PDB file of N, CA and C in Angstrom:
ATOM      1  N   UNK A   1     133.954 146.908 101.851  1.00  0.00           N
ATOM      2  CA  UNK A   1     133.999 145.762 102.738  1.00  0.00           C
ATOM      3  C   UNK A   1     132.578 145.297 103.105  1.00  0.00           C
ATOM      4  N   UNK A   2     131.708 146.272 103.435  1.00  0.00           N
ATOM      5  CA  UNK A   2     130.335 145.936 103.805  1.00  0.00           C
ATOM      6  C   UNK A   2     129.600 145.273 102.645  1.00  0.00           C
ATOM      7  N   UNK A   3     129.848 145.765 101.432  1.00  0.00           N
ATOM      8  CA  UNK A   3     129.194 145.224 100.244  1.00  0.00           C
ATOM      9  C   UNK A   3     129.649 143.783  99.985  1.00  0.00           C
ATOM     10  N   UNK A   4     130.926 143.522 100.158  1.00  0.00           N
ATOM     11  CA  UNK A   4     131.472 142.179  99.952  1.00  0.00           C
ATOM     12  C   UNK A   4     130.905 141.203 100.991  1.00  0.00           C
ATOM     13  N   UNK A   5     130.763 141.660 102.213  1.00  0.00           N
ATOM     14  CA  UNK A   5     130.209 140.833 103.280  1.00  0.00           C
ATOM     15  C   UNK A   5     128.749 140.489 102.985  1.00  0.00           C
ATOM     16  N   UNK A   6     128.011 141.463 102.474  1.00  0.00           N
ATOM     17  CA  UNK A   6     126.609 141.241 102.127  1.00  0.00           C
ATOM     18  C   UNK A   6     126.471 140.238 100.980  1.00  0.00           C
ATOM     19  N   UNK A   7     127.321 140.345  99.974  1.00  0.00           N
ATOM     20  CA  UNK A   7     127.303 139.411  98.844  1.00  0.00           C
ATOM     21  C   UNK A   7     127.614 137.993  99.321  1.00  0.00           C
ATOM     22  N   UNK A   8     128.574 137.840 100.195  1.00  0.00           N
ATOM     23  CA  UNK A   8     128.935 136.514 100.721  1.00  0.00           C
ATOM     24  C   UNK A   8     127.775 135.920 101.531  1.00  0.00           C
ATOM     25  N   UNK A   9     127.076 136.758 102.288  1.00  0.00           N
ATOM     26  CA  UNK A   9     125.929 136.295 103.068  1.00  0.00           C
ATOM     27  C   UNK A   9     124.811 135.826 102.144  1.00  0.00           C
ATOM     28  N   UNK A  10     124.550 136.585 101.097  1.00  0.00           N
ATOM     29  CA  UNK A  10     123.512 136.206 100.139  1.00  0.00           C
ATOM     30  C   UNK A  10     123.876 134.903  99.437  1.00  0.00           C
ATOM     31  N   UNK A  11     125.125 134.748  99.035  1.00  0.00           N
ATOM     32  CA  UNK A  11     125.571 133.503  98.382  1.00  0.00           C
ATOM     33  C   UNK A  11     125.455 132.310  99.331  1.00  0.00           C
ATOM     34  N   UNK A  12     125.801 132.514 100.590  1.00  0.00           N
ATOM     35  CA  UNK A  12     125.696 131.432 101.568  1.00  0.00           C
ATOM     36  C   UNK A  12     124.237 131.018 101.757  1.00  0.00           C
ATOM     37  N   UNK A  13     123.341 131.996 101.799  1.00  0.00           N
ATOM     38  CA  UNK A  13     121.911 131.693 101.940  1.00  0.00           C
ATOM     39  C   UNK A  13     121.381 130.932 100.724  1.00  0.00           C
ATOM     40  N   UNK A  14     121.771 131.363  99.545  1.00  0.00           N
ATOM     41  CA  UNK A  14     121.341 130.671  98.325  1.00  0.00           C
ATOM     42  C   UNK A  14     121.858 129.248  98.285  1.00  0.00           C
ATOM     43  N   UNK A  15     123.093 129.045  98.687  1.00  0.00           N
ATOM     44  CA  UNK A  15     123.684 127.704  98.733  1.00  0.00           C
ATOM     45  C   UNK A  15     122.937 126.828  99.729  1.00  0.00           C
ATOM     46  N   UNK A  16     122.603 127.373 100.872  1.00  0.00           N
ATOM     47  CA  UNK A  16     121.860 126.627 101.879  1.00  0.00           C
ATOM     48  C   UNK A  16     120.471 126.249 101.367  1.00  0.00           C
ATOM     49  N   UNK A  17     119.790 127.177 100.742  1.00  0.00           N
ATOM     50  CA  UNK A  17     118.458 126.895 100.186  1.00  0.00           C
ATOM     51  C   UNK A  17     118.539 125.815  99.112  1.00  0.00           C
ATOM     52  N   UNK A  18     119.532 125.903  98.255  1.00  0.00           N
ATOM     53  CA  UNK A  18     119.684 124.909  97.182  1.00  0.00           C
ATOM     54  C   UNK A  18     119.971 123.527  97.751  1.00  0.00           C
ATOM     55  N   UNK A  19     120.806 123.451  98.774  1.00  0.00           N
ATOM     56  CA  UNK A  19     121.139 122.137  99.336  1.00  0.00           C
ATOM     57  C   UNK A  19     119.961 121.538 100.085  1.00  0.00           C
ATOM     58  N   UNK A  20     119.175 122.354 100.775  1.00  0.00           N
ATOM     59  CA  UNK A  20     118.015 121.833 101.498  1.00  0.00           C
ATOM     60  C   UNK A  20     116.893 121.415 100.563  1.00  0.00           C
ATOM     61  N   UNK A  21     116.756 122.086  99.443  1.00  0.00           N
ATOM     62  CA  UNK A  21     115.688 121.705  98.516  1.00  0.00           C
ATOM     63  C   UNK A  21     115.971 120.355  97.873  1.00  0.00           C
ATOM     64  N   UNK A  22     117.215 119.927  97.857  1.00  0.00           N
ATOM     65  CA  UNK A  22     117.565 118.610  97.334  1.00  0.00           C
ATOM     66  C   UNK A  22     117.069 117.489  98.212  1.00  0.00           C
ATOM     67  N   UNK A  23     116.739 117.768  99.473  1.00  0.00           N
ATOM     68  CA  UNK A  23     116.255 116.771 100.413  1.00  0.00           C
ATOM     69  C   UNK A  23     114.739 116.749 100.525  1.00  0.00           C
ATOM     70  N   UNK A  24     114.068 117.610  99.809  1.00  0.00           N
ATOM     71  CA  UNK A  24     112.612 117.694  99.942  1.00  0.00           C
ATOM     72  C   UNK A  24     111.921 116.662  99.051  1.00  0.00           C
ATOM     73  N   UNK A  25     110.701 116.355  99.431  1.00  0.00           N
ATOM     74  CA  UNK A  25     109.926 115.362  98.685  1.00  0.00           C
ATOM     75  C   UNK A  25     109.103 116.039  97.597  1.00  0.00           C
ATOM     76  N   UNK A  26     108.852 115.271  96.555  1.00  0.00           N
ATOM     77  CA  UNK A  26     107.919 115.686  95.516  1.00  0.00           C
ATOM     78  C   UNK A  26     106.872 114.589  95.385  1.00  0.00           C
ATOM     79  N   UNK A  27     105.968 114.753  94.457  1.00  0.00           N
ATOM     80  CA  UNK A  27     104.924 113.749  94.277  1.00  0.00           C
ATOM     81  C   UNK A  27     105.495 112.407  93.830  1.00  0.00           C
ATOM     82  N   UNK A  28     106.595 112.439  93.092  1.00  0.00           N
ATOM     83  CA  UNK A  28     107.167 111.210  92.550  1.00  0.00           C
ATOM     84  C   UNK A  28     108.491 110.825  93.194  1.00  0.00           C
ATOM     85  N   UNK A  29     108.953 111.629  94.146  1.00  0.00           N
ATOM     86  CA  UNK A  29     110.241 111.355  94.779  1.00  0.00           C
ATOM     87  C   UNK A  29     110.136 111.532  96.283  1.00  0.00           C
ATOM     88  N   UNK A  30     110.781 110.645  97.021  1.00  0.00           N
ATOM     89  CA  UNK A  30     110.757 110.697  98.472  1.00  0.00           C
ATOM     90  C   UNK A  30     111.843 111.629  98.989  1.00  0.00           C
ATOM     91  N   UNK A  31     111.598 112.204 100.148  1.00  0.00           N
ATOM     92  CA  UNK A  31     112.661 112.926 100.834  1.00  0.00           C
ATOM     93  C   UNK A  31     113.583 111.895 101.477  1.00  0.00           C
ATOM     94  N   UNK A  32     114.696 112.343 101.997  1.00  0.00           N
ATOM     95  CA  UNK A  32     115.635 111.425 102.645  1.00  0.00           C
ATOM     96  C   UNK A  32     114.974 110.725 103.827  1.00  0.00           C
ATOM     97  N   UNK A  33     114.239 111.471 104.633  1.00  0.00           N
ATOM     98  CA  UNK A  33     113.550 110.881 105.784  1.00  0.00           C
ATOM     99  C   UNK A  33     112.500 109.870 105.364  1.00  0.00           C
ATOM    100  N   UNK A  34     111.744 110.192 104.329  1.00  0.00           N
ATOM    101  CA  UNK A  34     110.723 109.256 103.842  1.00  0.00           C
ATOM    102  C   UNK A  34     111.366 107.999 103.284  1.00  0.00           C
ATOM    103  N   UNK A  35     112.513 108.145 102.616  1.00  0.00           N
ATOM    104  CA  UNK A  35     113.210 106.977 102.076  1.00  0.00           C
ATOM    105  C   UNK A  35     113.597 106.038 103.210  1.00  0.00           C
ATOM    106  N   UNK A  36     114.128 106.609 104.279  1.00  0.00           N
ATOM    107  CA  UNK A  36     114.534 105.793 105.427  1.00  0.00           C
ATOM    108  C   UNK A  36     113.307 105.151 106.072  1.00  0.00           C
ATOM    109  N   UNK A  37     112.226 105.933 106.245  1.00  0.00           N
ATOM    110  CA  UNK A  37     111.001 105.391 106.822  1.00  0.00           C
ATOM    111  C   UNK A  37     110.460 104.245 105.981  1.00  0.00           C
ATOM    112  N   UNK A  38     110.461 104.397 104.667  1.00  0.00           N
ATOM    113  CA  UNK A  38     109.954 103.344 103.793  1.00  0.00           C
ATOM    114  C   UNK A  38     110.855 102.118 103.792  1.00  0.00           C
ATOM    115  N   UNK A  39     112.153 102.319 103.963  1.00  0.00           N
ATOM    116  CA  UNK A  39     113.059 101.176 104.079  1.00  0.00           C
ATOM    117  C   UNK A  39     112.731 100.376 105.333  1.00  0.00           C
ATOM    118  N   UNK A  40     112.412 101.076 106.417  1.00  0.00           N
ATOM    119  CA  UNK A  40     112.031 100.405 107.661  1.00  0.00           C
ATOM    120  C   UNK A  40     110.711  99.667 107.471  1.00  0.00           C
ATOM    121  N   UNK A  41     109.740 100.309 106.841  1.00  0.00           N
ATOM    122  CA  UNK A  41     108.445  99.665 106.591  1.00  0.00           C
ATOM    123  C   UNK A  41     108.634  98.414 105.743  1.00  0.00           C
ATOM    124  N   UNK A  42     109.426  98.524 104.669  1.00  0.00           N
ATOM    125  CA  UNK A  42     109.684  97.366 103.807  1.00  0.00           C
ATOM    126  C   UNK A  42     110.308  96.229 104.608  1.00  0.00           C
ATOM    127  N   UNK A  43     111.279  96.546 105.434  1.00  0.00           N
ATOM    128  CA  UNK A  43     111.936  95.517 106.253  1.00  0.00           C
ATOM    129  C   UNK A  43     110.973  94.873 107.231  1.00  0.00           C
ATOM    130  N   UNK A  44     110.111  95.685 107.857  1.00  0.00           N
ATOM    131  CA  UNK A  44     109.138  95.143 108.807  1.00  0.00           C
ATOM    132  C   UNK A  44     108.130  94.234 108.113  1.00  0.00           C
ATOM    133  N   UNK A  45     107.678  94.626 106.923  1.00  0.00           N
ATOM    134  CA  UNK A  45     106.716  93.799 106.181  1.00  0.00           C
ATOM    135  C   UNK A  45     107.383  92.487 105.758  1.00  0.00           C
ATOM    136  N   UNK A  46     108.617  92.565 105.262  1.00  0.00           N
ATOM    137  CA  UNK A  46     109.330  91.341 104.879  1.00  0.00           C
ATOM    138  C   UNK A  46     109.498  90.409 106.073  1.00  0.00           C
ATOM    139  N   UNK A  47     109.854  90.973 107.233  1.00  0.00           N
ATOM    140  CA  UNK A  47     110.027  90.160 108.438  1.00  0.00           C
ATOM    141  C   UNK A  47     108.707  89.534 108.871  1.00  0.00           C
ATOM    142  N   UNK A  48     107.621  90.303 108.799  1.00  0.00           N
ATOM    143  CA  UNK A  48     106.311  89.773 109.178  1.00  0.00           C
ATOM    144  C   UNK A  48     105.883  88.642 108.246  1.00  0.00           C
ATOM    145  N   UNK A  49     106.132  88.808 106.958  1.00  0.00           N
ATOM    146  CA  UNK A  49     105.799  87.752 105.997  1.00  0.00           C
ATOM    147  C   UNK A  49     106.680  86.531 106.235  1.00  0.00           C
ATOM    148  N   UNK A  50     107.950  86.752 106.526  1.00  0.00           N
ATOM    149  CA  UNK A  50     108.871  85.643 106.806  1.00  0.00           C
ATOM    150  C   UNK A  50     108.442  84.876 108.056  1.00  0.00           C
ATOM    151  N   UNK A  51     107.928  85.592 109.054  1.00  0.00           N
ATOM    152  CA  UNK A  51     107.500  84.946 110.299  1.00  0.00           C
ATOM    153  C   UNK A  51     106.184  84.197 110.159  1.00  0.00           C
ATOM    154  N   UNK A  52     105.465  84.443 109.075  1.00  0.00           N
ATOM    155  CA  UNK A  52     104.188  83.752 108.848  1.00  0.00           C
ATOM    156  C   UNK A  52     104.481  82.384 108.227  1.00  0.00           C
ATOM    157  N   UNK A  53     104.227  81.297 108.955  1.00  0.00           N
ATOM    158  CA  UNK A  53     104.600  79.963 108.471  1.00  0.00           C
ATOM    159  C   UNK A  53     103.851  79.501 107.222  1.00  0.00           C
ATOM    160  N   UNK A  54     102.687  80.077 106.931  1.00  0.00           N
ATOM    161  CA  UNK A  54     101.912  79.626 105.778  1.00  0.00           C
ATOM    162  C   UNK A  54     102.353  80.275 104.469  1.00  0.00           C
ATOM    163  N   UNK A  55     103.274  81.232 104.535  1.00  0.00           N
ATOM    164  CA  UNK A  55     103.708  81.934 103.325  1.00  0.00           C
ATOM    165  C   UNK A  55     105.124  81.553 102.942  1.00  0.00           C
ATOM    166  N   UNK A  56     105.350  81.403 101.637  1.00  0.00           N
ATOM    167  CA  UNK A  56     106.700  81.186 101.124  1.00  0.00           C
ATOM    168  C   UNK A  56     107.299  82.562 100.835  1.00  0.00           C
ATOM    169  N   UNK A  57     108.012  83.069 101.786  1.00  0.00           N
ATOM    170  CA  UNK A  57     108.455  84.458 101.710  1.00  0.00           C
ATOM    171  C   UNK A  57     109.506  84.717 100.636  1.00  0.00           C
ATOM    172  N   UNK A  58     110.192  83.716 100.181  1.00  0.00           N
ATOM    173  CA  UNK A  58     111.239  83.930  99.177  1.00  0.00           C
ATOM    174  C   UNK A  58     110.644  84.286  97.809  1.00  0.00           C
ATOM    175  N   UNK A  59     109.366  84.024  97.609  1.00  0.00           N
ATOM    176  CA  UNK A  59     108.729  84.319  96.327  1.00  0.00           C
ATOM    177  C   UNK A  59     107.866  85.570  96.385  1.00  0.00           C
ATOM    178  N   UNK A  60     107.907  86.292  97.497  1.00  0.00           N
ATOM    179  CA  UNK A  60     107.116  87.510  97.659  1.00  0.00           C
ATOM    180  C   UNK A  60     108.061  88.705  97.732  1.00  0.00           C
ATOM    181  N   UNK A  61     107.881  89.644  96.809  1.00  0.00           N
ATOM    182  CA  UNK A  61     108.679  90.871  96.798  1.00  0.00           C
ATOM    183  C   UNK A  61     107.873  91.983  97.458  1.00  0.00           C
ATOM    184  N   UNK A  62     108.564  92.809  98.235  1.00  0.00           N
ATOM    185  CA  UNK A  62     107.919  93.906  98.949  1.00  0.00           C
ATOM    186  C   UNK A  62     108.623  95.209  98.589  1.00  0.00           C
ATOM    187  N   UNK A  63     107.837  96.206  98.201  1.00  0.00           N
ATOM    188  CA  UNK A  63     108.356  97.544  97.955  1.00  0.00           C
ATOM    189  C   UNK A  63     107.406  98.532  98.613  1.00  0.00           C
ATOM    190  N   UNK A  64     107.943  99.662  99.054  1.00  0.00           N
ATOM    191  CA  UNK A  64     107.060 100.676  99.632  1.00  0.00           C
ATOM    192  C   UNK A  64     107.475 102.064  99.171  1.00  0.00           C
ATOM    193  N   UNK A  65     106.471 102.943  99.076  1.00  0.00           N
ATOM    194  CA  UNK A  65     106.674 104.329  98.672  1.00  0.00           C
ATOM    195  C   UNK A  65     105.659 105.175  99.408  1.00  0.00           C
ATOM    196  N   UNK A  66     106.148 106.055 100.255  1.00  0.00           N
ATOM    197  CA  UNK A  66     105.292 106.941 101.053  1.00  0.00           C
ATOM    198  C   UNK A  66     104.252 106.154 101.854  1.00  0.00           C
ATOM    199  N   UNK A  67     104.669 105.037 102.428  1.00  0.00           N
ATOM    200  CA  UNK A  67     103.795 104.225 103.270  1.00  0.00           C
ATOM    201  C   UNK A  67     102.897 103.262 102.529  1.00  0.00           C
ATOM    202  N   UNK A  68     102.887 103.330 101.207  1.00  0.00           N
ATOM    203  CA  UNK A  68     102.082 102.405 100.410  1.00  0.00           C
ATOM    204  C   UNK A  68     102.950 101.202 100.044  1.00  0.00           C
ATOM    205  N   UNK A  69     102.501 100.034 100.421  1.00  0.00           N
ATOM    206  CA  UNK A  69     103.263  98.806 100.215  1.00  0.00           C
ATOM    207  C   UNK A  69     102.725  98.069  99.005  1.00  0.00           C
ATOM    208  N   UNK A  70     103.641  97.589  98.161  1.00  0.00           N
ATOM    209  CA  UNK A  70     103.246  96.780  97.013  1.00  0.00           C
ATOM    210  C   UNK A  70     103.845  95.391  97.183  1.00  0.00           C
ATOM    211  N   UNK A  71     102.984  94.403  97.117  1.00  0.00           N
ATOM    212  CA  UNK A  71     103.405  93.007  97.168  1.00  0.00           C
ATOM    213  C   UNK A  71     103.344  92.444  95.753  1.00  0.00           C
ATOM    214  N   UNK A  72     104.394  91.761  95.354  1.00  0.00           N
ATOM    215  CA  UNK A  72     104.398  91.125  94.038  1.00  0.00           C
ATOM    216  C   UNK A  72     105.122  89.793  94.150  1.00  0.00           C
ATOM    217  N   UNK A  73     104.910  88.949  93.168  1.00  0.00           N
ATOM    218  CA  UNK A  73     105.538  87.638  93.163  1.00  0.00           C
ATOM    219  C   UNK A  73     104.491  86.550  93.020  1.00  0.00           C
ATOM    220  N   UNK A  74     104.873  85.343  93.417  1.00  0.00           N
ATOM    221  CA  UNK A  74     104.011  84.178  93.225  1.00  0.00           C
ATOM    222  C   UNK A  74     103.761  83.462  94.543  1.00  0.00           C
ATOM    223  N   UNK A  75     102.531  82.988  94.708  1.00  0.00           N
ATOM    224  CA  UNK A  75     102.155  82.179  95.866  1.00  0.00           C
ATOM    225  C   UNK A  75     101.363  80.976  95.375  1.00  0.00           C
ATOM    226  N   UNK A  76     101.121  80.035  96.288  1.00  0.00           N
ATOM    227  CA  UNK A  76     100.485  78.780  95.896  1.00  0.00           C
ATOM    228  C   UNK A  76      98.959  78.807  95.880  1.00  0.00           C
ATOM    229  N   UNK A  77      98.336  79.749  96.613  1.00  0.00           N
ATOM    230  CA  UNK A  77      96.879  79.731  96.707  1.00  0.00           C
ATOM    231  C   UNK A  77      96.319  81.134  96.909  1.00  0.00           C
ATOM    232  N   UNK A  78      95.017  81.243  96.684  1.00  0.00           N
ATOM    233  CA  UNK A  78      94.334  82.517  96.919  1.00  0.00           C
ATOM    234  C   UNK A  78      94.353  82.869  98.401  1.00  0.00           C
ATOM    235  N   UNK A  79      94.366  81.852  99.264  1.00  0.00           N
ATOM    236  CA  UNK A  79      94.479  82.078 100.711  1.00  0.00           C
ATOM    237  C   UNK A  79      95.800  82.766 101.045  1.00  0.00           C
ATOM    238  N   UNK A  80      96.861  82.371 100.374  1.00  0.00           N
ATOM    239  CA  UNK A  80      98.167  82.984 100.609  1.00  0.00           C
ATOM    240  C   UNK A  80      98.185  84.443 100.163  1.00  0.00           C
ATOM    241  N   UNK A  81      97.485  84.739  99.069  1.00  0.00           N
ATOM    242  CA  UNK A  81      97.381  86.131  98.599  1.00  0.00           C
ATOM    243  C   UNK A  81      96.701  86.969  99.677  1.00  0.00           C
ATOM    244  N   UNK A  82      95.591  86.461 100.177  1.00  0.00           N
ATOM    245  CA  UNK A  82      94.832  87.177 101.198  1.00  0.00           C
ATOM    246  C   UNK A  82      95.643  87.326 102.482  1.00  0.00           C
ATOM    247  N   UNK A  83      96.295  86.266 102.904  1.00  0.00           N
ATOM    248  CA  UNK A  83      97.073  86.277 104.151  1.00  0.00           C
ATOM    249  C   UNK A  83      98.240  87.262 104.058  1.00  0.00           C
ATOM    250  N   UNK A  84      98.919  87.292 102.927  1.00  0.00           N
ATOM    251  CA  UNK A  84     100.049  88.217 102.758  1.00  0.00           C
ATOM    252  C   UNK A  84      99.568  89.666 102.851  1.00  0.00           C
ATOM    253  N   UNK A  85      98.414  89.956 102.262  1.00  0.00           N
ATOM    254  CA  UNK A  85      97.846  91.295 102.357  1.00  0.00           C
ATOM    255  C   UNK A  85      97.495  91.663 103.782  1.00  0.00           C
ATOM    256  N   UNK A  86      96.912  90.716 104.520  1.00  0.00           N
ATOM    257  CA  UNK A  86      96.560  90.951 105.920  1.00  0.00           C
ATOM    258  C   UNK A  86      97.806  91.196 106.769  1.00  0.00           C
ATOM    259  N   UNK A  87      98.835  90.394 106.536  1.00  0.00           N
ATOM    260  CA  UNK A  87     100.086  90.547 107.289  1.00  0.00           C
ATOM    261  C   UNK A  87     100.705  91.910 107.010  1.00  0.00           C
ATOM    262  N   UNK A  88     100.729  92.316 105.749  1.00  0.00           N
ATOM    263  CA  UNK A  88     101.311  93.610 105.388  1.00  0.00           C
ATOM    264  C   UNK A  88     100.523  94.762 106.011  1.00  0.00           C
ATOM    265  N   UNK A  89      99.193  94.680 105.993  1.00  0.00           N
ATOM    266  CA  UNK A  89      98.362  95.746 106.566  1.00  0.00           C
ATOM    267  C   UNK A  89      98.554  95.878 108.071  1.00  0.00           C
ATOM    268  N   UNK A  90      98.937  94.792 108.732  1.00  0.00           N
ATOM    269  CA  UNK A  90      99.084  94.806 110.185  1.00  0.00           C
ATOM    270  C   UNK A  90     100.373  95.489 110.651  1.00  0.00           C
ATOM    271  N   UNK A  91     101.277  95.778 109.739  1.00  0.00           N
ATOM    272  CA  UNK A  91     102.558  96.389 110.100  1.00  0.00           C
ATOM    273  C   UNK A  91     102.365  97.887 110.340  1.00  0.00           C
ATOM    274  N   UNK A  92     102.948  98.364 111.424  1.00  0.00           N
ATOM    275  CA  UNK A  92     102.850  99.786 111.773  1.00  0.00           C
ATOM    276  C   UNK A  92     103.514 100.648 110.700  1.00  0.00           C
ATOM    277  N   UNK A  93     102.830 101.701 110.306  1.00  0.00           N
ATOM    278  CA  UNK A  93     103.360 102.622 109.305  1.00  0.00           C
ATOM    279  C   UNK A  93     102.838 102.381 107.906  1.00  0.00           C
ATOM    280  N   UNK A  94     102.180 101.252 107.684  1.00  0.00           N
ATOM    281  CA  UNK A  94     101.632 100.946 106.366  1.00  0.00           C
ATOM    282  C   UNK A  94     100.337 101.722 106.180  1.00  0.00           C
ATOM    283  N   UNK A  95     100.297 102.526 105.121  1.00  0.00           N
ATOM    284  CA  UNK A  95      99.112 103.320 104.812  1.00  0.00           C
ATOM    285  C   UNK A  95      98.122 102.515 103.987  1.00  0.00           C
ATOM    286  N   UNK A  96      98.622 101.825 102.970  1.00  0.00           N
ATOM    287  CA  UNK A  96      97.775 100.987 102.121  1.00  0.00           C
ATOM    288  C   UNK A  96      98.624  99.874 101.516  1.00  0.00           C
ATOM    289  N   UNK A  97      97.958  98.863 101.016  1.00  0.00           N
ATOM    290  CA  UNK A  97      98.642  97.708 100.410  1.00  0.00           C
ATOM    291  C   UNK A  97      98.080  97.473  99.024  1.00  0.00           C
ATOM    292  N   UNK A  98      98.976  97.401  98.050  1.00  0.00           N
ATOM    293  CA  UNK A  98      98.590  97.007  96.688  1.00  0.00           C
ATOM    294  C   UNK A  98      99.081  95.565  96.530  1.00  0.00           C
ATOM    295  N   UNK A  99      98.160  94.658  96.476  1.00  0.00           N
ATOM    296  CA  UNK A  99      98.488  93.238  96.458  1.00  0.00           C
ATOM    297  C   UNK A  99      98.482  92.725  95.028  1.00  0.00           C
ATOM    298  N   UNK A 100      99.673  92.617  94.425  1.00  0.00           N
ATOM    299  CA  UNK A 100      99.814  92.122  93.053  1.00  0.00           C
ATOM    300  C   UNK A 100     100.347  90.690  93.019  1.00  0.00           C
ATOM    301  N   UNK A 101     100.109  89.936  94.078  1.00  0.00           N
ATOM    302  CA  UNK A 101     100.572  88.548  94.103  1.00  0.00           C
ATOM    303  C   UNK A 101      99.763  87.720  93.125  1.00  0.00           C
ATOM    304  N   UNK A 102     100.422  86.744  92.511  1.00  0.00           N
ATOM    305  CA  UNK A 102      99.806  85.895  91.505  1.00  0.00           C
ATOM    306  C   UNK A 102      99.846  84.450  91.987  1.00  0.00           C
ATOM    307  N   UNK A 103      98.722  83.763  91.847  1.00  0.00           N
ATOM    308  CA  UNK A 103      98.652  82.339  92.191  1.00  0.00           C
ATOM    309  C   UNK A 103      99.212  81.558  91.030  1.00  0.00           C
ATOM    310  N   UNK A 104     100.186  80.695  91.317  1.00  0.00           N
ATOM    311  CA  UNK A 104     100.749  79.880  90.227  1.00  0.00           C
ATOM    312  C   UNK A 104     100.287  78.448  90.323  1.00  0.00           C
TER     313      UNK A 104
END
């Protein structure tokens, strides 16, 4: 009986370790918490760009990974490229901005 109880405890511990490791982050993958945090950052950056009257927000795509924001899409001027980068950097939680916007 004692041996069976010990085996069940060991199996339960292994199962717990395996399930928790599925939620951990790697260099190329976010943890569940980081995914949620980055979703919030992306939403905040999109809202900030939308609130900026000089930017056409429908042509600007925003993605984030571990606090690094990437802007892509098309804008009308170099001023808009610069302004979008400034707006994105001003959002709380943004670590860095990769500005890949293209002037059309």
